[in-house]
Structures are given as C-alpha cells and as structure tokens.
Amino acid sequence: MSNTETIRFEAGLGLEHIGQRTVFLTEISDFAVDKEIYGEAFDKSLPARSAA
C-alpha cells in the first residue's frame, strides 16, 4: 500500500477514498498476514477486496 501513498497524497486522497483493493499472493498461507495488515490499515472504511 505504500507504493500508492505518494499518488494518493498528491491527489489529496486518503484510505477512505479507496473503493477496491486487489492483492496477488504467491502463497495462500500469506492470506492471514494480509488480513491482519488490511484490518490495521483500513480502520472504519473497508473497501471491497480480492485476493488471487
């Protein structure tokens, strides 16, 4: 998510402006870690998400 932070900042947008998030996992076992990061990053405004 940090790679989009600069773009969002320059546009004056925050995490609450994200409508959907897609993550590509190389190991399905990493889904638990992603779920934890997702929960920490998006406090109240949870966007749709997909994992592949």
C-alpha atoms as a PDB file:
ATOM      1  CA  MET A   1       0.000   0.000   0.000  1.00  0.00           C
ATOM      2  CA  SER A   2       2.931   2.300   0.486  1.00  0.00           C
ATOM      3  CA  ASN A   3       3.516   2.410  -3.274  1.00  0.00           C
ATOM      4  CA  THR A   4       0.187   4.194  -3.734  1.00  0.00           C
ATOM      5  CA  GLU A   5       0.644   6.536  -0.775  1.00  0.00           C
ATOM      6  CA  THR A   6       2.521   9.207  -2.750  1.00  0.00           C
ATOM      7  CA  ILE A   7      -0.059   9.203  -5.534  1.00  0.00           C
ATOM      8  CA  ARG A   8      -2.948   9.455  -3.082  1.00  0.00           C
ATOM      9  CA  PHE A   9      -1.213  12.206  -1.096  1.00  0.00           C
ATOM     10  CA  GLU A  10      -0.553  14.295  -4.219  1.00  0.00           C
ATOM     11  CA  ALA A  11      -4.211  13.937  -5.213  1.00  0.00           C
ATOM     12  CA  GLY A  12      -5.394  14.861  -1.715  1.00  0.00           C
ATOM     13  CA  LEU A  13      -6.924  11.425  -1.130  1.00  0.00           C
ATOM     14  CA  GLY A  14      -6.822   9.135   1.880  1.00  0.00           C
ATOM     15  CA  LEU A  15      -7.512   5.482   2.504  1.00  0.00           C
ATOM     16  CA  GLU A  16     -11.223   6.266   2.818  1.00  0.00           C
ATOM     17  CA  HIS A  17     -11.233   7.033  -0.928  1.00  0.00           C
ATOM     18  CA  ILE A  18     -10.169   3.511  -1.922  1.00  0.00           C
ATOM     19  CA  GLY A  19     -13.094   1.557  -3.372  1.00  0.00           C
ATOM     20  CA  GLN A  20     -11.434  -1.789  -4.032  1.00  0.00           C
ATOM     21  CA  ARG A  21      -8.146  -3.452  -3.269  1.00  0.00           C
ATOM     22  CA  THR A  22      -6.637  -6.466  -5.042  1.00  0.00           C
ATOM     23  CA  VAL A  23      -3.658  -8.394  -3.731  1.00  0.00           C
ATOM     24  CA  PHE A  24      -1.748 -11.135  -5.527  1.00  0.00           C
ATOM     25  CA  LEU A  25      -0.321 -13.724  -3.139  1.00  0.00           C
ATOM     26  CA  THR A  26       2.455 -16.131  -4.061  1.00  0.00           C
ATOM     27  CA  GLU A  27       1.472 -18.340  -1.111  1.00  0.00           C
ATOM     28  CA  ILE A  28      -2.115 -18.724   0.101  1.00  0.00           C
ATOM     29  CA  SER A  29      -0.699 -19.120   3.604  1.00  0.00           C
ATOM     30  CA  ASP A  30       0.154 -15.396   3.441  1.00  0.00           C
ATOM     31  CA  PHE A  31      -3.562 -14.566   3.432  1.00  0.00           C
ATOM     32  CA  ALA A  32      -3.635 -14.432   7.250  1.00  0.00           C
ATOM     33  CA  VAL A  33      -0.855 -11.830   7.259  1.00  0.00           C
ATOM     34  CA  ASP A  34      -2.617  -9.820   4.567  1.00  0.00           C
ATOM     35  CA  LYS A  35      -5.859  -9.963   6.540  1.00  0.00           C
ATOM     36  CA  GLU A  36      -4.082  -8.539   9.595  1.00  0.00           C
ATOM     37  CA  ILE A  37      -2.487  -5.707   7.579  1.00  0.00           C
ATOM     38  CA  TYR A  38      -5.825  -4.969   5.902  1.00  0.00           C
ATOM     39  CA  GLY A  39      -7.530  -4.680   9.283  1.00  0.00           C
ATOM     40  CA  GLU A  40      -4.867  -2.329  10.627  1.00  0.00           C
ATOM     41  CA  ALA A  41      -4.723  -0.096   7.560  1.00  0.00           C
ATOM     42  CA  PHE A  42      -8.446   0.290   6.983  1.00  0.00           C
ATOM     43  CA  ASP A  43      -9.996   1.223  10.289  1.00  0.00           C
ATOM     44  CA  LYS A  44     -13.605   2.140   9.500  1.00  0.00           C
ATOM     45  CA  SER A  45     -13.937   2.444   5.741  1.00  0.00           C
ATOM     46  CA  LEU A  46     -13.330  -1.068   4.446  1.00  0.00           C
ATOM     47  CA  PRO A  47     -13.084  -1.266   0.657  1.00  0.00           C
ATOM     48  CA  ALA A  48     -14.026  -4.352  -1.298  1.00  0.00           C
ATOM     49  CA  ARG A  49     -11.111  -6.725  -1.600  1.00  0.00           C
ATOM     50  CA  SER A  50      -9.996  -9.688  -3.591  1.00  0.00           C
ATOM     51  CA  ALA A  51      -7.003 -11.989  -3.411  1.00  0.00           C
ATOM     52  CA  ALA A  52      -5.538 -14.096  -6.149  1.00  0.00           C
END
